[in-house]
């Protein structure tokens, strides 16, 4: 049937209503962003300094891990390794002890910032299921990076040692009551974390924590691309780590467990392994550079510290 004289008017009213709704949504987002920016420190606090130095230090560690893996992929020699191996590589450089001390301080700063995120919730994650899950994740990350900082300190003062391998702590867990169930649960959690990293790569939700207004269009584009590539690479390696943990539990064989270095080595052994490893290694380097960009552009919200 042909449109009645009222139909065009109704469609036009509907279009205007949708446009008004979209405009209101954008205005709300602008207000919320400005409100968040208004809560940032007007000056630099010890919390902010620790956080920024921590992001930069984490970026260095990941860039080294990715760079070493990239060298293996292109046939330049070396071996795939994990963050602890990156610390060993740092310690082998001129002034290695001093560099390790700086890295240890930076990793402690990063760990304290993640702990601060978990307890004080400066990013307003909230107390719903999603928010609490993120804050628990911040707390776990704090423990992991405190352990890595301790390893850096051990390497600096003793030129060796530093933390147990994945096989060591997997064997310890399997020896405990219900240890097999616990290790399977940890493996599932690590796989889910890997999937979440891939989701982050797709959605680029990390952008909401960046000072986009201080970036040029070119910086915003490349930082977003680097973040996406970095999160995707982490998603792949954490997925592999989780699968190997579950295998270790189901077979009661701690030697099946592996860390980041083992996951990268596993990629090399696949068909087209050097290409796959090279892509993931490049992603880890990109993640390291993305962490360095967070040291400059991460929003650090104001929270009263007493």
Protein backbone atom coordinates (compact mmCIF):
# COMPACT_ATOMS: atom_id res chain seq x y z
CA UNK A 1 0.00 0.00 0.00
CA UNK A 2 1.24 3.54 -0.69
CA UNK A 3 2.31 5.66 2.25
CA UNK A 4 -0.38 7.74 3.82
CA UNK A 5 0.40 11.46 4.18
CA UNK A 6 1.25 10.84 7.84
CA UNK A 7 3.85 8.09 7.21
CA UNK A 8 6.75 10.33 6.08
CA UNK A 9 6.16 12.51 9.10
CA UNK A 10 6.27 9.53 11.41
CA UNK A 11 9.48 8.22 9.86
CA UNK A 12 11.05 11.66 10.15
CA UNK A 13 10.02 11.89 13.80
CA UNK A 14 11.46 8.45 14.45
CA UNK A 15 14.73 9.40 12.77
CA UNK A 16 14.98 12.58 14.84
CA UNK A 17 14.26 10.63 18.02
CA UNK A 18 17.05 8.16 17.22
CA UNK A 19 19.46 11.00 16.46
CA UNK A 20 18.52 12.71 19.71
CA UNK A 21 19.09 9.49 21.63
CA UNK A 22 22.51 9.00 20.02
CA UNK A 23 23.44 12.63 20.72
CA UNK A 24 22.41 12.22 24.37
CA UNK A 25 24.49 9.05 24.63
CA UNK A 26 27.54 10.80 23.17
CA UNK A 27 27.03 13.77 25.48
CA UNK A 28 26.85 11.43 28.47
CA UNK A 29 30.10 9.73 27.39
CA UNK A 30 31.80 13.12 27.06
CA UNK A 31 30.60 14.17 30.51
CA UNK A 32 31.77 10.88 32.04
CA UNK A 33 35.16 11.15 30.35
CA UNK A 34 35.64 14.72 31.54
CA UNK A 35 34.56 13.70 35.03
CA UNK A 36 37.18 10.95 35.03
CA UNK A 37 39.81 13.34 33.78
CA UNK A 38 38.83 15.82 36.49
CA UNK A 39 39.56 13.18 39.13
CA UNK A 40 43.11 12.67 37.92
CA UNK A 41 46.02 14.03 39.89
CA UNK A 42 46.79 17.62 39.16
CA UNK A 43 50.34 16.79 40.23
CA UNK A 44 52.44 13.64 40.29
CA UNK A 45 51.95 11.46 43.40
CA UNK A 46 54.03 8.53 44.54
CA UNK A 47 51.23 6.21 43.39
CA UNK A 48 51.33 7.63 39.89
CA UNK A 49 55.12 7.56 39.69
CA UNK A 50 55.23 3.93 40.82
CA UNK A 51 52.53 2.96 38.35
CA UNK A 52 54.16 4.66 35.38
CA UNK A 53 57.63 3.32 36.16
CA UNK A 54 56.06 -0.10 36.63
CA UNK A 55 54.33 -0.03 33.25
CA UNK A 56 57.59 0.98 31.57
CA UNK A 57 59.51 -1.82 33.32
CA UNK A 58 56.93 -4.44 32.40
CA UNK A 59 57.15 -3.20 28.82
CA UNK A 60 60.93 -3.72 28.79
CA UNK A 61 60.58 -7.30 30.08
CA UNK A 62 57.95 -8.24 27.49
CA UNK A 63 59.87 -6.58 24.67
CA UNK A 64 62.94 -8.66 25.57
CA UNK A 65 60.91 -11.89 25.72
CA UNK A 66 59.37 -11.10 22.34
CA UNK A 67 62.67 -10.02 20.84
CA UNK A 68 64.44 -13.22 21.90
CA UNK A 69 61.60 -15.33 20.49
CA UNK A 70 61.68 -13.32 17.26
CA UNK A 71 65.39 -14.05 16.92
CA UNK A 72 64.63 -17.78 17.20
CA UNK A 73 61.85 -17.50 14.62
CA UNK A 74 64.06 -15.87 11.98
CA UNK A 75 66.95 -18.26 12.66
CA UNK A 76 69.23 -15.76 14.36
CA UNK A 77 69.92 -18.14 17.25
CA UNK A 78 69.07 -17.99 20.94
CA UNK A 79 66.12 -19.61 22.65
CA UNK A 80 62.57 -18.89 23.62
CA UNK A 81 62.25 -17.80 27.21
CA UNK A 82 59.94 -16.34 29.83
CA UNK A 83 60.14 -13.15 31.94
CA UNK A 84 62.70 -14.79 34.25
CA UNK A 85 64.85 -15.54 31.21
CA UNK A 86 64.50 -11.91 30.20
CA UNK A 87 65.84 -10.92 33.62
CA UNK A 88 68.83 -13.20 33.07
CA UNK A 89 69.43 -11.53 29.70
CA UNK A 90 69.34 -8.12 31.40
CA UNK A 91 71.77 -9.29 34.07
CA UNK A 92 74.24 -10.45 31.37
CA UNK A 93 74.55 -6.91 30.01
CA UNK A 94 77.15 -4.33 31.07
CA UNK A 95 76.07 -2.83 34.39
CA UNK A 96 73.70 -5.80 34.64
CA UNK A 97 73.43 -5.65 38.43
CA UNK A 98 72.39 -2.00 38.34
CA UNK A 99 69.89 -2.71 35.57
CA UNK A 100 68.42 -5.61 37.55
CA UNK A 101 68.02 -3.41 40.60
CA UNK A 102 66.15 -0.84 38.52
CA UNK A 103 63.97 -3.57 37.03
CA UNK A 104 63.26 -4.98 40.50
CA UNK A 105 62.18 -1.54 41.71
CA UNK A 106 59.99 -1.07 38.66
CA UNK A 107 58.34 -4.46 39.06
CA UNK A 108 57.69 -3.77 42.75
CA UNK A 109 56.10 -0.49 41.70
CA UNK A 110 53.92 -2.27 39.16
CA UNK A 111 52.91 -4.91 41.71
CA UNK A 112 51.98 -2.25 44.26
CA UNK A 113 49.93 -0.42 41.64
CA UNK A 114 48.00 -3.59 40.80
CA UNK A 115 47.44 -4.20 44.51
CA UNK A 116 46.24 -0.61 44.81
CA UNK A 117 43.82 -1.25 41.94
CA UNK A 118 42.49 -4.34 43.70
CA UNK A 119 41.97 -2.67 47.09
CA UNK A 120 41.24 1.01 46.42
CA UNK A 121 39.54 0.55 43.02
CA UNK A 122 40.83 3.81 41.48
CA UNK A 123 39.36 2.82 38.09
CA UNK A 124 35.87 2.45 39.59
CA UNK A 125 35.47 -1.18 38.53
CA UNK A 126 32.73 -1.55 41.13
CA UNK A 127 31.50 -4.41 43.28
CA UNK A 128 29.42 -6.33 40.76
CA UNK A 129 30.60 -9.73 39.46
CA UNK A 130 32.55 -8.23 36.56
CA UNK A 131 34.17 -5.57 38.72
CA UNK A 132 35.12 -7.98 41.49
CA UNK A 133 36.57 -10.41 38.93
CA UNK A 134 38.78 -7.64 37.55
CA UNK A 135 39.91 -6.61 41.03
CA UNK A 136 40.74 -10.20 41.97
CA UNK A 137 42.75 -10.38 38.75
CA UNK A 138 44.63 -7.24 39.79
CA UNK A 139 45.46 -8.88 43.11
CA UNK A 140 46.75 -12.05 41.44
CA UNK A 141 48.86 -9.96 39.06
CA UNK A 142 50.31 -8.13 42.06
CA UNK A 143 51.50 -11.43 43.55
CA UNK A 144 52.96 -12.61 40.23
CA UNK A 145 54.95 -9.43 39.66
CA UNK A 146 56.13 -9.31 43.27
CA UNK A 147 57.55 -12.79 42.66
CA UNK A 148 59.22 -11.61 39.46
CA UNK A 149 60.64 -8.59 41.30
CA UNK A 150 62.03 -10.96 43.95
CA UNK A 151 63.65 -13.00 41.16
CA UNK A 152 65.27 -9.84 39.76
CA UNK A 153 66.57 -9.01 43.23
CA UNK A 154 67.99 -12.51 43.67
CA UNK A 155 69.74 -12.31 40.32
CA UNK A 156 71.17 -8.92 41.24
CA UNK A 157 72.62 -9.96 44.60
CA UNK A 158 73.40 -13.63 43.98
CA UNK A 159 73.75 -13.89 40.19
CA UNK A 160 71.45 -16.87 40.03
CA UNK A 161 68.33 -18.57 41.30
CA UNK A 162 65.03 -16.88 41.46
CA UNK A 163 61.71 -18.64 41.72
CA UNK A 164 60.47 -22.14 40.98
CA UNK A 165 59.59 -23.42 37.53
CA UNK A 166 56.00 -24.20 36.47
CA UNK A 167 56.86 -27.89 36.87
CA UNK A 168 57.99 -27.30 40.47
CA UNK A 169 54.88 -25.60 41.75
CA UNK A 170 52.62 -27.89 39.67
CA UNK A 171 54.27 -30.91 41.32
CA UNK A 172 53.73 -29.31 44.73
CA UNK A 173 50.06 -28.65 44.02
CA UNK A 174 49.49 -32.17 42.70
CA UNK A 175 50.93 -33.57 45.93
CA UNK A 176 48.29 -31.75 48.00
CA UNK A 177 44.78 -33.05 48.83
CA UNK A 178 42.53 -32.42 45.83
CA UNK A 179 45.63 -31.13 44.06
CA UNK A 180 44.58 -32.55 40.70
CA UNK A 181 41.29 -30.67 40.86
CA UNK A 182 43.09 -27.49 41.85
CA UNK A 183 45.56 -27.71 38.95
CA UNK A 184 42.74 -28.41 36.48
CA UNK A 185 40.93 -25.37 37.87
CA UNK A 186 44.05 -23.22 37.49
CA UNK A 187 44.46 -24.47 33.92
CA UNK A 188 40.85 -23.62 33.07
CA UNK A 189 41.27 -20.17 34.64
CA UNK A 190 44.42 -19.53 32.59
CA UNK A 191 42.67 -20.59 29.38
CA UNK A 192 39.74 -18.29 30.19
CA UNK A 193 42.20 -15.50 30.86
CA UNK A 194 43.70 -16.13 27.44
CA UNK A 195 40.24 -15.94 25.87
CA UNK A 196 39.65 -12.66 27.73
CA UNK A 197 42.91 -11.32 26.31
CA UNK A 198 41.67 -12.17 22.80
CA UNK A 199 38.39 -10.42 23.61
CA UNK A 200 40.37 -7.37 24.73
CA UNK A 201 42.24 -7.46 21.43
CA UNK A 202 38.94 -7.49 19.55
CA UNK A 203 37.08 -4.85 21.58
CA UNK A 204 40.10 -2.66 22.47
CA UNK A 205 38.50 -1.86 25.82
CA UNK A 206 41.90 -0.74 27.08
CA UNK A 207 41.26 2.55 25.26
CA UNK A 208 38.92 3.69 28.03
CA UNK A 209 41.91 3.90 30.39
CA UNK A 210 44.00 6.05 28.05
CA UNK A 211 44.33 9.83 27.84
CA UNK A 212 43.10 9.91 24.26
CA UNK A 213 42.72 13.68 24.37
CA UNK A 214 46.49 14.04 24.80
CA UNK A 215 47.35 11.88 21.77
CA UNK A 216 47.67 12.84 18.15
CA UNK A 217 45.50 10.89 15.71
CA UNK A 218 48.59 8.97 14.57
CA UNK A 219 49.58 8.06 18.13
CA UNK A 220 46.06 6.91 18.95
CA UNK A 221 45.95 4.72 15.85
CA UNK A 222 49.30 3.02 16.43
CA UNK A 223 48.86 2.60 20.18
CA UNK A 224 45.48 0.98 19.58
CA UNK A 225 46.95 -1.33 16.96
CA UNK A 226 49.86 -2.23 19.22
CA UNK A 227 47.53 -2.95 22.12
CA UNK A 228 45.32 -5.18 20.00
CA UNK A 229 48.27 -7.14 18.61
CA UNK A 230 49.84 -7.45 22.04
CA UNK A 231 46.69 -8.69 23.74
CA UNK A 232 46.11 -11.19 20.92
CA UNK A 233 49.64 -12.59 21.34
CA UNK A 234 49.14 -12.92 25.09
CA UNK A 235 45.82 -14.64 24.50
CA UNK A 236 47.53 -17.29 22.38
CA UNK A 237 50.35 -18.04 24.82
CA UNK A 238 48.13 -18.05 27.92
CA UNK A 239 45.74 -20.42 26.16
CA UNK A 240 48.62 -22.82 25.48
CA UNK A 241 49.88 -22.55 29.07
CA UNK A 242 46.41 -23.36 30.41
CA UNK A 243 46.00 -26.40 28.16
CA UNK A 244 49.36 -27.81 29.28
CA UNK A 245 48.42 -27.27 32.92
CA UNK A 246 45.23 -29.26 32.44
CA UNK A 247 47.20 -32.02 30.73
CA UNK A 248 49.66 -32.10 33.61
CA UNK A 249 46.80 -32.50 36.07
CA UNK A 250 44.86 -35.12 34.12
CA UNK A 251 48.00 -37.21 33.53
CA UNK A 252 49.43 -36.54 37.02
CA UNK A 253 52.63 -35.53 35.26
CA UNK A 254 54.10 -32.18 36.41
CA UNK A 255 56.60 -32.23 33.54
CA UNK A 256 53.70 -31.47 31.19
CA UNK A 257 53.29 -28.01 32.73
CA UNK A 258 54.95 -25.14 30.96
CA UNK A 259 55.35 -21.38 31.19
CA UNK A 260 55.63 -18.61 28.65
CA UNK A 261 58.94 -19.87 27.25
CA UNK A 262 57.56 -23.39 26.85
CA UNK A 263 54.44 -22.09 25.13
CA UNK A 264 56.57 -20.19 22.61
CA UNK A 265 58.70 -23.30 22.03
CA UNK A 266 55.52 -25.30 21.40
CA UNK A 267 54.50 -22.81 18.71
CA UNK A 268 57.85 -23.33 16.98
CA UNK A 269 57.19 -27.07 16.77
CA UNK A 270 53.91 -26.65 14.87
CA UNK A 271 53.54 -26.67 11.06
CA UNK A 272 54.82 -23.31 9.79
CA UNK A 273 56.23 -22.93 13.31
CA UNK A 274 58.74 -20.15 12.58
CA UNK A 275 56.01 -18.04 10.98
CA UNK A 276 53.59 -18.64 13.86
CA UNK A 277 56.27 -18.01 16.47
CA UNK A 278 57.44 -14.90 14.62
CA UNK A 279 53.92 -13.48 14.56
CA UNK A 280 53.32 -14.12 18.26
CA UNK A 281 56.80 -12.85 19.16
CA UNK A 282 56.16 -9.66 17.21
CA UNK A 283 52.91 -9.35 19.16
CA UNK A 284 54.78 -9.66 22.47
CA UNK A 285 57.18 -6.92 21.37
CA UNK A 286 54.14 -4.82 20.46
CA UNK A 287 52.70 -5.51 23.91
CA UNK A 288 55.94 -4.32 25.48
CA UNK A 289 55.75 -1.09 23.48
CA UNK A 290 52.09 -0.75 24.43
CA UNK A 291 53.05 -1.01 28.11
CA UNK A 292 55.59 1.76 27.51
CA UNK A 293 52.80 3.90 26.03
CA UNK A 294 50.73 3.25 29.17
CA UNK A 295 53.60 4.71 31.19
CA UNK A 296 52.88 7.96 29.37
CA UNK A 297 49.16 7.91 28.61
CA UNK A 298 47.51 5.71 31.28
CA UNK A 299 44.92 7.59 33.34
CA UNK A 300 45.84 7.38 37.02
CA UNK A 301 42.75 8.43 38.94
CA UNK A 302 42.93 10.47 42.12
CA UNK A 303 42.43 8.41 45.25
CA UNK A 304 43.07 9.75 48.72
CA UNK A 305 45.87 7.77 50.34
CA UNK A 306 46.09 7.94 54.11
